[in-house]
Amino acid sequence: MGQGTDWVFWVVIMTLIVVFLYVPQWMSRRRRQQQEKDLAVGDRVFTIGGFIGTLTRYDREANIARLRLAEGFEVDIMPDAIGGKQVPHEDKQG
């Protein structure tokens, strides 16, 4: 490579580094924001700690969510601990 093209090479390399570092984080953040918008009281959710329950309170401003894990047993958690909605399991019989 000549002296004149060295800077083009480095600009391309730096651009690729930024793209590979930034784009996955950006996509993850968008997915998480959409998930938060889709959550509603009454949804079955799972937490990052492994609990599965029904969402009975969801207050993003107060940074609190409440899960009913069993009849008469509710816990308060941080909304960031919600891993996602629980997808109903379909039994495969065959």
PDB file of N, CA and C in Angstrom:
ATOM      1  N   MET A   1       0.833  -1.173   0.000  1.00  0.00           N
ATOM      2  CA  MET A   1       0.000   0.000   0.000  1.00  0.00           C
ATOM      3  C   MET A   1       0.878   1.237   0.000  1.00  0.00           C
ATOM      4  N   GLY A   2       0.411   2.243  -0.684  1.00  0.00           N
ATOM      5  CA  GLY A   2       1.162   3.485  -0.732  1.00  0.00           C
ATOM      6  C   GLY A   2       0.799   4.384   0.431  1.00  0.00           C
ATOM      7  N   GLN A   3       1.549   5.428   0.599  1.00  0.00           N
ATOM      8  CA  GLN A   3       1.310   6.373   1.687  1.00  0.00           C
ATOM      9  C   GLN A   3      -0.062   7.028   1.573  1.00  0.00           C
ATOM     10  N   GLY A   4      -0.530   7.279   0.378  1.00  0.00           N
ATOM     11  CA  GLY A   4      -1.801   7.974   0.177  1.00  0.00           C
ATOM     12  C   GLY A   4      -3.017   7.148   0.524  1.00  0.00           C
ATOM     13  N   THR A   5      -2.927   5.840   0.473  1.00  0.00           N
ATOM     14  CA  THR A   5      -4.082   4.983   0.752  1.00  0.00           C
ATOM     15  C   THR A   5      -4.107   4.458   2.180  1.00  0.00           C
ATOM     16  N   ASP A   6      -3.115   4.736   2.972  1.00  0.00           N
ATOM     17  CA  ASP A   6      -3.093   4.270   4.366  1.00  0.00           C
ATOM     18  C   ASP A   6      -4.267   4.831   5.162  1.00  0.00           C
ATOM     19  N   TRP A   7      -4.574   6.091   4.953  1.00  0.00           N
ATOM     20  CA  TRP A   7      -5.651   6.699   5.737  1.00  0.00           C
ATOM     21  C   TRP A   7      -7.003   6.103   5.364  1.00  0.00           C
ATOM     22  N   VAL A   8      -7.211   5.724   4.107  1.00  0.00           N
ATOM     23  CA  VAL A   8      -8.466   5.091   3.687  1.00  0.00           C
ATOM     24  C   VAL A   8      -8.622   3.740   4.390  1.00  0.00           C
ATOM     25  N   PHE A   9      -7.557   2.984   4.441  1.00  0.00           N
ATOM     26  CA  PHE A   9      -7.578   1.687   5.124  1.00  0.00           C
ATOM     27  C   PHE A   9      -7.989   1.854   6.582  1.00  0.00           C
ATOM     28  N   TRP A  10      -7.395   2.821   7.277  1.00  0.00           N
ATOM     29  CA  TRP A  10      -7.690   3.016   8.692  1.00  0.00           C
ATOM     30  C   TRP A  10      -9.102   3.551   8.915  1.00  0.00           C
ATOM     31  N   VAL A  11      -9.585   4.369   8.028  1.00  0.00           N
ATOM     32  CA  VAL A  11     -10.967   4.862   8.142  1.00  0.00           C
ATOM     33  C   VAL A  11     -11.941   3.699   7.986  1.00  0.00           C
ATOM     34  N   VAL A  12     -11.680   2.823   7.040  1.00  0.00           N
ATOM     35  CA  VAL A  12     -12.547   1.656   6.838  1.00  0.00           C
ATOM     36  C   VAL A  12     -12.502   0.742   8.054  1.00  0.00           C
ATOM     37  N   ILE A  13     -11.329   0.488   8.580  1.00  0.00           N
ATOM     38  CA  ILE A  13     -11.185  -0.372   9.769  1.00  0.00           C
ATOM     39  C   ILE A  13     -11.920   0.231  10.958  1.00  0.00           C
ATOM     40  N   MET A  14     -11.748   1.516  11.203  1.00  0.00           N
ATOM     41  CA  MET A  14     -12.414   2.167  12.343  1.00  0.00           C
ATOM     42  C   MET A  14     -13.934   2.157  12.171  1.00  0.00           C
ATOM     43  N   THR A  15     -14.402   2.356  10.945  1.00  0.00           N
ATOM     44  CA  THR A  15     -15.843   2.311  10.680  1.00  0.00           C
ATOM     45  C   THR A  15     -16.397   0.925  10.963  1.00  0.00           C
ATOM     46  N   LEU A  16     -15.700  -0.103  10.534  1.00  0.00           N
ATOM     47  CA  LEU A  16     -16.151  -1.474  10.797  1.00  0.00           C
ATOM     48  C   LEU A  16     -16.177  -1.784  12.286  1.00  0.00           C
ATOM     49  N   ILE A  17     -15.182  -1.313  13.019  1.00  0.00           N
ATOM     50  CA  ILE A  17     -15.139  -1.544  14.466  1.00  0.00           C
ATOM     51  C   ILE A  17     -16.337  -0.881  15.136  1.00  0.00           C
ATOM     52  N   VAL A  18     -16.611   0.358  14.775  1.00  0.00           N
ATOM     53  CA  VAL A  18     -17.748   1.066  15.364  1.00  0.00           C
ATOM     54  C   VAL A  18     -19.058   0.352  15.027  1.00  0.00           C
ATOM     55  N   VAL A  19     -19.213  -0.080  13.789  1.00  0.00           N
ATOM     56  CA  VAL A  19     -20.442  -0.761  13.381  1.00  0.00           C
ATOM     57  C   VAL A  19     -20.625  -2.063  14.157  1.00  0.00           C
ATOM     58  N   PHE A  20     -19.563  -2.857  14.266  1.00  0.00           N
ATOM     59  CA  PHE A  20     -19.682  -4.146  14.957  1.00  0.00           C
ATOM     60  C   PHE A  20     -19.853  -4.003  16.458  1.00  0.00           C
ATOM     61  N   LEU A  21     -19.443  -2.889  17.034  1.00  0.00           N
ATOM     62  CA  LEU A  21     -19.642  -2.673  18.465  1.00  0.00           C
ATOM     63  C   LEU A  21     -20.979  -2.003  18.761  1.00  0.00           C
ATOM     64  N   TYR A  22     -21.412  -1.086  17.916  1.00  0.00           N
ATOM     65  CA  TYR A  22     -22.595  -0.290  18.207  1.00  0.00           C
ATOM     66  C   TYR A  22     -23.899  -0.945  17.769  1.00  0.00           C
ATOM     67  N   VAL A  23     -23.930  -1.530  16.604  1.00  0.00           N
ATOM     68  CA  VAL A  23     -25.178  -2.054  16.048  1.00  0.00           C
ATOM     69  C   VAL A  23     -25.812  -3.140  16.923  1.00  0.00           C
ATOM     70  N   PRO A  24     -25.097  -4.123  17.426  1.00  0.00           N
ATOM     71  CA  PRO A  24     -25.744  -5.126  18.291  1.00  0.00           C
ATOM     72  C   PRO A  24     -26.346  -4.517  19.558  1.00  0.00           C
ATOM     73  N   GLN A  25     -25.662  -3.552  20.163  1.00  0.00           N
ATOM     74  CA  GLN A  25     -26.202  -2.901  21.352  1.00  0.00           C
ATOM     75  C   GLN A  25     -27.448  -2.108  21.006  1.00  0.00           C
ATOM     76  N   TRP A  26     -27.438  -1.425  19.887  1.00  0.00           N
ATOM     77  CA  TRP A  26     -28.576  -0.626  19.460  1.00  0.00           C
ATOM     78  C   TRP A  26     -29.790  -1.527  19.208  1.00  0.00           C
ATOM     79  N   MET A  27     -29.566  -2.654  18.538  1.00  0.00           N
ATOM     80  CA  MET A  27     -30.667  -3.582  18.259  1.00  0.00           C
ATOM     81  C   MET A  27     -31.220  -4.191  19.541  1.00  0.00           C
ATOM     82  N   SER A  28     -30.340  -4.523  20.479  1.00  0.00           N
ATOM     83  CA  SER A  28     -30.770  -5.070  21.760  1.00  0.00           C
ATOM     84  C   SER A  28     -31.602  -4.055  22.540  1.00  0.00           C
ATOM     85  N   ARG A  29     -31.176  -2.808  22.521  1.00  0.00           N
ATOM     86  CA  ARG A  29     -31.907  -1.752  23.224  1.00  0.00           C
ATOM     87  C   ARG A  29     -33.288  -1.549  22.598  1.00  0.00           C
ATOM     88  N   ARG A  30     -33.373  -1.578  21.275  1.00  0.00           N
ATOM     89  CA  ARG A  30     -34.674  -1.435  20.599  1.00  0.00           C
ATOM     90  C   ARG A  30     -35.601  -2.594  20.932  1.00  0.00           C
ATOM     91  N   ARG A  31     -35.063  -3.803  20.950  1.00  0.00           N
ATOM     92  CA  ARG A  31     -35.857  -4.993  21.285  1.00  0.00           C
ATOM     93  C   ARG A  31     -36.385  -4.899  22.709  1.00  0.00           C
ATOM     94  N   ARG A  32     -35.535  -4.446  23.632  1.00  0.00           N
ATOM     95  CA  ARG A  32     -35.925  -4.322  25.037  1.00  0.00           C
ATOM     96  C   ARG A  32     -37.007  -3.247  25.223  1.00  0.00           C
ATOM     97  N   GLN A  33     -36.866  -2.121  24.521  1.00  0.00           N
ATOM     98  CA  GLN A  33     -37.869  -1.064  24.615  1.00  0.00           C
ATOM     99  C   GLN A  33     -39.213  -1.534  24.068  1.00  0.00           C
ATOM    100  N   GLN A  34     -39.209  -2.292  22.993  1.00  0.00           N
ATOM    101  CA  GLN A  34     -40.450  -2.820  22.435  1.00  0.00           C
ATOM    102  C   GLN A  34     -41.088  -3.813  23.388  1.00  0.00           C
ATOM    103  N   GLN A  35     -40.260  -4.624  24.027  1.00  0.00           N
ATOM    104  CA  GLN A  35     -40.769  -5.590  25.001  1.00  0.00           C
ATOM    105  C   GLN A  35     -41.437  -4.864  26.167  1.00  0.00           C
ATOM    106  N   GLU A  36     -40.829  -3.785  26.638  1.00  0.00           N
ATOM    107  CA  GLU A  36     -41.407  -3.023  27.744  1.00  0.00           C
ATOM    108  C   GLU A  36     -42.744  -2.410  27.346  1.00  0.00           C
ATOM    109  N   LYS A  37     -42.867  -1.946  26.109  1.00  0.00           N
ATOM    110  CA  LYS A  37     -44.122  -1.370  25.641  1.00  0.00           C
ATOM    111  C   LYS A  37     -45.214  -2.426  25.568  1.00  0.00           C
ATOM    112  N   ASP A  38     -44.842  -3.657  25.249  1.00  0.00           N
ATOM    113  CA  ASP A  38     -45.815  -4.729  25.076  1.00  0.00           C
ATOM    114  C   ASP A  38     -46.294  -5.331  26.400  1.00  0.00           C
ATOM    115  N   LEU A  39     -45.582  -5.070  27.498  1.00  0.00           N
ATOM    116  CA  LEU A  39     -45.984  -5.642  28.780  1.00  0.00           C
ATOM    117  C   LEU A  39     -47.232  -4.952  29.311  1.00  0.00           C
ATOM    118  N   ALA A  40     -48.124  -5.743  29.881  1.00  0.00           N
ATOM    119  CA  ALA A  40     -49.350  -5.209  30.472  1.00  0.00           C
ATOM    120  C   ALA A  40     -49.713  -6.045  31.689  1.00  0.00           C
ATOM    121  N   VAL A  41     -50.448  -5.433  32.591  1.00  0.00           N
ATOM    122  CA  VAL A  41     -50.926  -6.156  33.775  1.00  0.00           C
ATOM    123  C   VAL A  41     -51.757  -7.344  33.300  1.00  0.00           C
ATOM    124  N   GLY A  42     -51.512  -8.491  33.894  1.00  0.00           N
ATOM    125  CA  GLY A  42     -52.212  -9.720  33.525  1.00  0.00           C
ATOM    126  C   GLY A  42     -51.376 -10.652  32.668  1.00  0.00           C
ATOM    127  N   ASP A  43     -50.249 -10.177  32.145  1.00  0.00           N
ATOM    128  CA  ASP A  43     -49.374 -11.021  31.322  1.00  0.00           C
ATOM    129  C   ASP A  43     -48.614 -12.014  32.193  1.00  0.00           C
ATOM    130  N   ARG A  44     -48.423 -13.221  31.658  1.00  0.00           N
ATOM    131  CA  ARG A  44     -47.544 -14.199  32.301  1.00  0.00           C
ATOM    132  C   ARG A  44     -46.128 -13.882  31.855  1.00  0.00           C
ATOM    133  N   VAL A  45     -45.222 -13.682  32.811  1.00  0.00           N
ATOM    134  CA  VAL A  45     -43.847 -13.310  32.491  1.00  0.00           C
ATOM    135  C   VAL A  45     -42.883 -14.206  33.250  1.00  0.00           C
ATOM    136  N   PHE A  46     -41.627 -14.203  32.794  1.00  0.00           N
ATOM    137  CA  PHE A  46     -40.576 -14.879  33.541  1.00  0.00           C
ATOM    138  C   PHE A  46     -39.519 -13.841  33.866  1.00  0.00           C
ATOM    139  N   THR A  47     -38.791 -14.084  34.962  1.00  0.00           N
ATOM    140  CA  THR A  47     -37.749 -13.155  35.381  1.00  0.00           C
ATOM    141  C   THR A  47     -36.387 -13.731  35.027  1.00  0.00           C
ATOM    142  N   ILE A  48     -35.377 -12.886  35.089  1.00  0.00           N
ATOM    143  CA  ILE A  48     -34.028 -13.356  34.810  1.00  0.00           C
ATOM    144  C   ILE A  48     -33.534 -14.291  35.906  1.00  0.00           C
ATOM    145  N   GLY A  49     -34.235 -14.293  37.042  1.00  0.00           N
ATOM    146  CA  GLY A  49     -33.890 -15.199  38.135  1.00  0.00           C
ATOM    147  C   GLY A  49     -34.595 -16.543  38.052  1.00  0.00           C
ATOM    148  N   GLY A  50     -35.524 -16.681  37.093  1.00  0.00           N
ATOM    149  CA  GLY A  50     -36.176 -17.971  36.894  1.00  0.00           C
ATOM    150  C   GLY A  50     -37.597 -18.058  37.415  1.00  0.00           C
ATOM    151  N   PHE A  51     -38.114 -17.007  38.012  1.00  0.00           N
ATOM    152  CA  PHE A  51     -39.499 -17.036  38.485  1.00  0.00           C
ATOM    153  C   PHE A  51     -40.455 -16.842  37.321  1.00  0.00           C
ATOM    154  N   ILE A  52     -41.605 -17.506  37.420  1.00  0.00           N
ATOM    155  CA  ILE A  52     -42.665 -17.341  36.438  1.00  0.00           C
ATOM    156  C   ILE A  52     -43.904 -16.921  37.207  1.00  0.00           C
ATOM    157  N   GLY A  53     -44.542 -15.856  36.744  1.00  0.00           N
ATOM    158  CA  GLY A  53     -45.725 -15.375  37.447  1.00  0.00           C
ATOM    159  C   GLY A  53     -46.557 -14.469  36.561  1.00  0.00           C
ATOM    160  N   THR A  54     -47.624 -13.960  37.164  1.00  0.00           N
ATOM    161  CA  THR A  54     -48.535 -13.059  36.474  1.00  0.00           C
ATOM    162  C   THR A  54     -48.256 -11.638  36.936  1.00  0.00           C
ATOM    163  N   LEU A  55     -48.118 -10.743  36.001  1.00  0.00           N
ATOM    164  CA  LEU A  55     -47.831  -9.348  36.298  1.00  0.00           C
ATOM    165  C   LEU A  55     -49.101  -8.695  36.843  1.00  0.00           C
ATOM    166  N   THR A  56     -49.052  -8.218  38.094  1.00  0.00           N
ATOM    167  CA  THR A  56     -50.219  -7.587  38.703  1.00  0.00           C
ATOM    168  C   THR A  56     -50.052  -6.084  38.871  1.00  0.00           C
ATOM    169  N   ARG A  57     -48.821  -5.588  38.737  1.00  0.00           N
ATOM    170  CA  ARG A  57     -48.561  -4.151  38.793  1.00  0.00           C
ATOM    171  C   ARG A  57     -47.320  -3.883  37.958  1.00  0.00           C
ATOM    172  N   TYR A  58     -47.384  -2.787  37.198  1.00  0.00           N
ATOM    173  CA  TYR A  58     -46.231  -2.420  36.367  1.00  0.00           C
ATOM    174  C   TYR A  58     -46.156  -0.899  36.329  1.00  0.00           C
ATOM    175  N   ASP A  59     -45.243  -0.345  37.127  1.00  0.00           N
ATOM    176  CA  ASP A  59     -45.086   1.107  37.224  1.00  0.00           C
ATOM    177  C   ASP A  59     -43.645   1.453  36.889  1.00  0.00           C
ATOM    178  N   ARG A  60     -43.423   1.848  35.650  1.00  0.00           N
ATOM    179  CA  ARG A  60     -42.064   2.127  35.175  1.00  0.00           C
ATOM    180  C   ARG A  60     -41.476   3.357  35.862  1.00  0.00           C
ATOM    181  N   GLU A  61     -42.309   4.379  36.128  1.00  0.00           N
ATOM    182  CA  GLU A  61     -41.810   5.594  36.764  1.00  0.00           C
ATOM    183  C   GLU A  61     -41.323   5.325  38.186  1.00  0.00           C
ATOM    184  N   ALA A  62     -42.034   4.482  38.904  1.00  0.00           N
ATOM    185  CA  ALA A  62     -41.638   4.128  40.270  1.00  0.00           C
ATOM    186  C   ALA A  62     -40.607   3.007  40.279  1.00  0.00           C
ATOM    187  N   ASN A  63     -40.307   2.438  39.115  1.00  0.00           N
ATOM    188  CA  ASN A  63     -39.340   1.351  38.966  1.00  0.00           C
ATOM    189  C   ASN A  63     -39.717   0.141  39.816  1.00  0.00           C
ATOM    190  N   ILE A  64     -40.985  -0.261  39.687  1.00  0.00           N
ATOM    191  CA  ILE A  64     -41.451  -1.422  40.445  1.00  0.00           C
ATOM    192  C   ILE A  64     -42.473  -2.209  39.627  1.00  0.00           C
ATOM    193  N   ALA A  65     -42.384  -3.497  39.753  1.00  0.00           N
ATOM    194  CA  ALA A  65     -43.363  -4.397  39.154  1.00  0.00           C
ATOM    195  C   ALA A  65     -43.720  -5.431  40.221  1.00  0.00           C
ATOM    196  N   ARG A  66     -44.917  -5.931  40.146  1.00  0.00           N
ATOM    197  CA  ARG A  66     -45.355  -6.935  41.120  1.00  0.00           C
ATOM    198  C   ARG A  66     -45.802  -8.175  40.370  1.00  0.00           C
ATOM    199  N   LEU A  67     -45.296  -9.307  40.841  1.00  0.00           N
ATOM    200  CA  LEU A  67     -45.652 -10.601  40.250  1.00  0.00           C
ATOM    201  C   LEU A  67     -46.432 -11.437  41.247  1.00  0.00           C
ATOM    202  N   ARG A  68     -47.490 -12.084  40.762  1.00  0.00           N
ATOM    203  CA  ARG A  68     -48.192 -13.078  41.578  1.00  0.00           C
ATOM    204  C   ARG A  68     -47.609 -14.434  41.190  1.00  0.00           C
ATOM    205  N   LEU A  69     -46.884 -15.026  42.124  1.00  0.00           N
ATOM    206  CA  LEU A  69     -46.243 -16.316  41.870  1.00  0.00           C
ATOM    207  C   LEU A  69     -47.177 -17.474  42.183  1.00  0.00           C
ATOM    208  N   ALA A  70     -48.051 -17.266  43.165  1.00  0.00           N
ATOM    209  CA  ALA A  70     -49.049 -18.262  43.537  1.00  0.00           C
ATOM    210  C   ALA A  70     -50.226 -17.496  44.130  1.00  0.00           C
ATOM    211  N   GLU A  71     -51.338 -18.152  44.292  1.00  0.00           N
ATOM    212  CA  GLU A  71     -52.504 -17.491  44.860  1.00  0.00           C
ATOM    213  C   GLU A  71     -52.171 -16.973  46.261  1.00  0.00           C
ATOM    214  N   GLY A  72     -52.297 -15.672  46.444  1.00  0.00           N
ATOM    215  CA  GLY A  72     -52.016 -15.059  47.737  1.00  0.00           C
ATOM    216  C   GLY A  72     -50.546 -14.761  47.981  1.00  0.00           C
ATOM    217  N   PHE A  73     -49.675 -14.963  46.989  1.00  0.00           N
ATOM    218  CA  PHE A  73     -48.242 -14.728  47.172  1.00  0.00           C
ATOM    219  C   PHE A  73     -47.722 -13.860  46.031  1.00  0.00           C
ATOM    220  N   GLU A  74     -47.451 -12.596  46.365  1.00  0.00           N
ATOM    221  CA  GLU A  74     -46.951 -11.654  45.371  1.00  0.00           C
ATOM    222  C   GLU A  74     -45.611 -11.102  45.828  1.00  0.00           C
ATOM    223  N   VAL A  75     -44.752 -10.796  44.861  1.00  0.00           N
ATOM    224  CA  VAL A  75     -43.444 -10.213  45.157  1.00  0.00           C
ATOM    225  C   VAL A  75     -43.254  -8.968  44.296  1.00  0.00           C
ATOM    226  N   ASP A  76     -42.541  -7.999  44.868  1.00  0.00           N
ATOM    227  CA  ASP A  76     -42.173  -6.801  44.121  1.00  0.00           C
ATOM    228  C   ASP A  76     -40.787  -7.011  43.539  1.00  0.00           C
ATOM    229  N   ILE A  77     -40.641  -6.651  42.274  1.00  0.00           N
ATOM    230  CA  ILE A  77     -39.353  -6.781  41.596  1.00  0.00           C
ATOM    231  C   ILE A  77     -39.086  -5.506  40.805  1.00  0.00           C
ATOM    232  N   MET A  78     -37.872  -5.384  40.338  1.00  0.00           N
ATOM    233  CA  MET A  78     -37.530  -4.280  39.443  1.00  0.00           C
ATOM    234  C   MET A  78     -37.933  -4.680  38.030  1.00  0.00           C
ATOM    235  N   PRO A  79     -38.499  -3.761  37.244  1.00  0.00           N
ATOM    236  CA  PRO A  79     -38.921  -4.112  35.880  1.00  0.00           C
ATOM    237  C   PRO A  79     -37.782  -4.631  35.004  1.00  0.00           C
ATOM    238  N   ASP A  80     -36.560  -4.206  35.265  1.00  0.00           N
ATOM    239  CA  ASP A  80     -35.431  -4.697  34.472  1.00  0.00           C
ATOM    240  C   ASP A  80     -35.167  -6.181  34.701  1.00  0.00           C
ATOM    241  N   ALA A  81     -35.738  -6.747  35.760  1.00  0.00           N
ATOM    242  CA  ALA A  81     -35.549  -8.172  36.038  1.00  0.00           C
ATOM    243  C   ALA A  81     -36.510  -9.049  35.244  1.00  0.00           C
ATOM    244  N   ILE A  82     -37.457  -8.432  34.546  1.00  0.00           N
ATOM    245  CA  ILE A  82     -38.382  -9.214  33.735  1.00  0.00           C
ATOM    246  C   ILE A  82     -37.667  -9.645  32.463  1.00  0.00           C
ATOM    247  N   GLY A  83     -37.598 -10.944  32.255  1.00  0.00           N
ATOM    248  CA  GLY A  83     -36.906 -11.478  31.093  1.00  0.00           C
ATOM    249  C   GLY A  83     -37.757 -11.455  29.840  1.00  0.00           C
ATOM    250  N   GLY A  84     -39.069 -11.549  29.997  1.00  0.00           N
ATOM    251  CA  GLY A  84     -39.959 -11.524  28.840  1.00  0.00           C
ATOM    252  C   GLY A  84     -41.283 -12.186  29.166  1.00  0.00           C
ATOM    253  N   LYS A  85     -42.155 -12.192  28.162  1.00  0.00           N
ATOM    254  CA  LYS A  85     -43.441 -12.863  28.323  1.00  0.00           C
ATOM    255  C   LYS A  85     -43.247 -14.362  28.206  1.00  0.00           C
ATOM    256  N   GLN A  86     -44.032 -15.098  28.965  1.00  0.00           N
ATOM    257  CA  GLN A  86     -43.972 -16.548  28.873  1.00  0.00           C
ATOM    258  C   GLN A  86     -44.854 -16.994  27.714  1.00  0.00           C
ATOM    259  N   VAL A  87     -44.270 -17.763  26.830  1.00  0.00           N
ATOM    260  CA  VAL A  87     -45.009 -18.298  25.691  1.00  0.00           C
ATOM    261  C   VAL A  87     -45.684 -19.585  26.141  1.00  0.00           C
ATOM    262  N   PRO A  88     -46.994 -19.716  25.902  1.00  0.00           N
ATOM    263  CA  PRO A  88     -47.675 -20.955  26.305  1.00  0.00           C
ATOM    264  C   PRO A  88     -47.043 -22.178  25.656  1.00  0.00           C
ATOM    265  N   HIS A  89     -46.864 -23.210  26.433  1.00  0.00           N
ATOM    266  CA  HIS A  89     -46.253 -24.444  25.953  1.00  0.00           C
ATOM    267  C   HIS A  89     -47.320 -25.303  25.299  1.00  0.00           C
ATOM    268  N   GLU A  90     -47.063 -25.731  24.078  1.00  0.00           N
ATOM    269  CA  GLU A  90     -47.998 -26.612  23.378  1.00  0.00           C
ATOM    270  C   GLU A  90     -47.526 -28.045  23.509  1.00  0.00           C
ATOM    271  N   ASP A  91     -48.409 -28.888  24.017  1.00  0.00           N
ATOM    272  CA  ASP A  91     -48.066 -30.314  24.147  1.00  0.00           C
ATOM    273  C   ASP A  91     -48.078 -30.965  22.780  1.00  0.00           C
ATOM    274  N   LYS A  92     -47.020 -31.696  22.491  1.00  0.00           N
ATOM    275  CA  LYS A  92     -46.930 -32.419  21.220  1.00  0.00           C
ATOM    276  C   LYS A  92     -47.215 -33.889  21.490  1.00  0.00           C
ATOM    277  N   GLN A  93     -48.325 -34.328  21.004  1.00  0.00           N
ATOM    278  CA  GLN A  93     -48.672 -35.740  21.179  1.00  0.00           C
ATOM    279  C   GLN A  93     -48.745 -36.367  19.786  1.00  0.00           C
ATOM    280  N   GLY A  94     -48.149 -37.484  19.690  1.00  0.00           N
ATOM    281  CA  GLY A  94     -48.174 -37.927  18.384  1.00  0.00           C
ATOM    282  C   GLY A  94     -48.058 -39.213  17.896  1.00  0.00           C
TER     283      GLY A  94
END
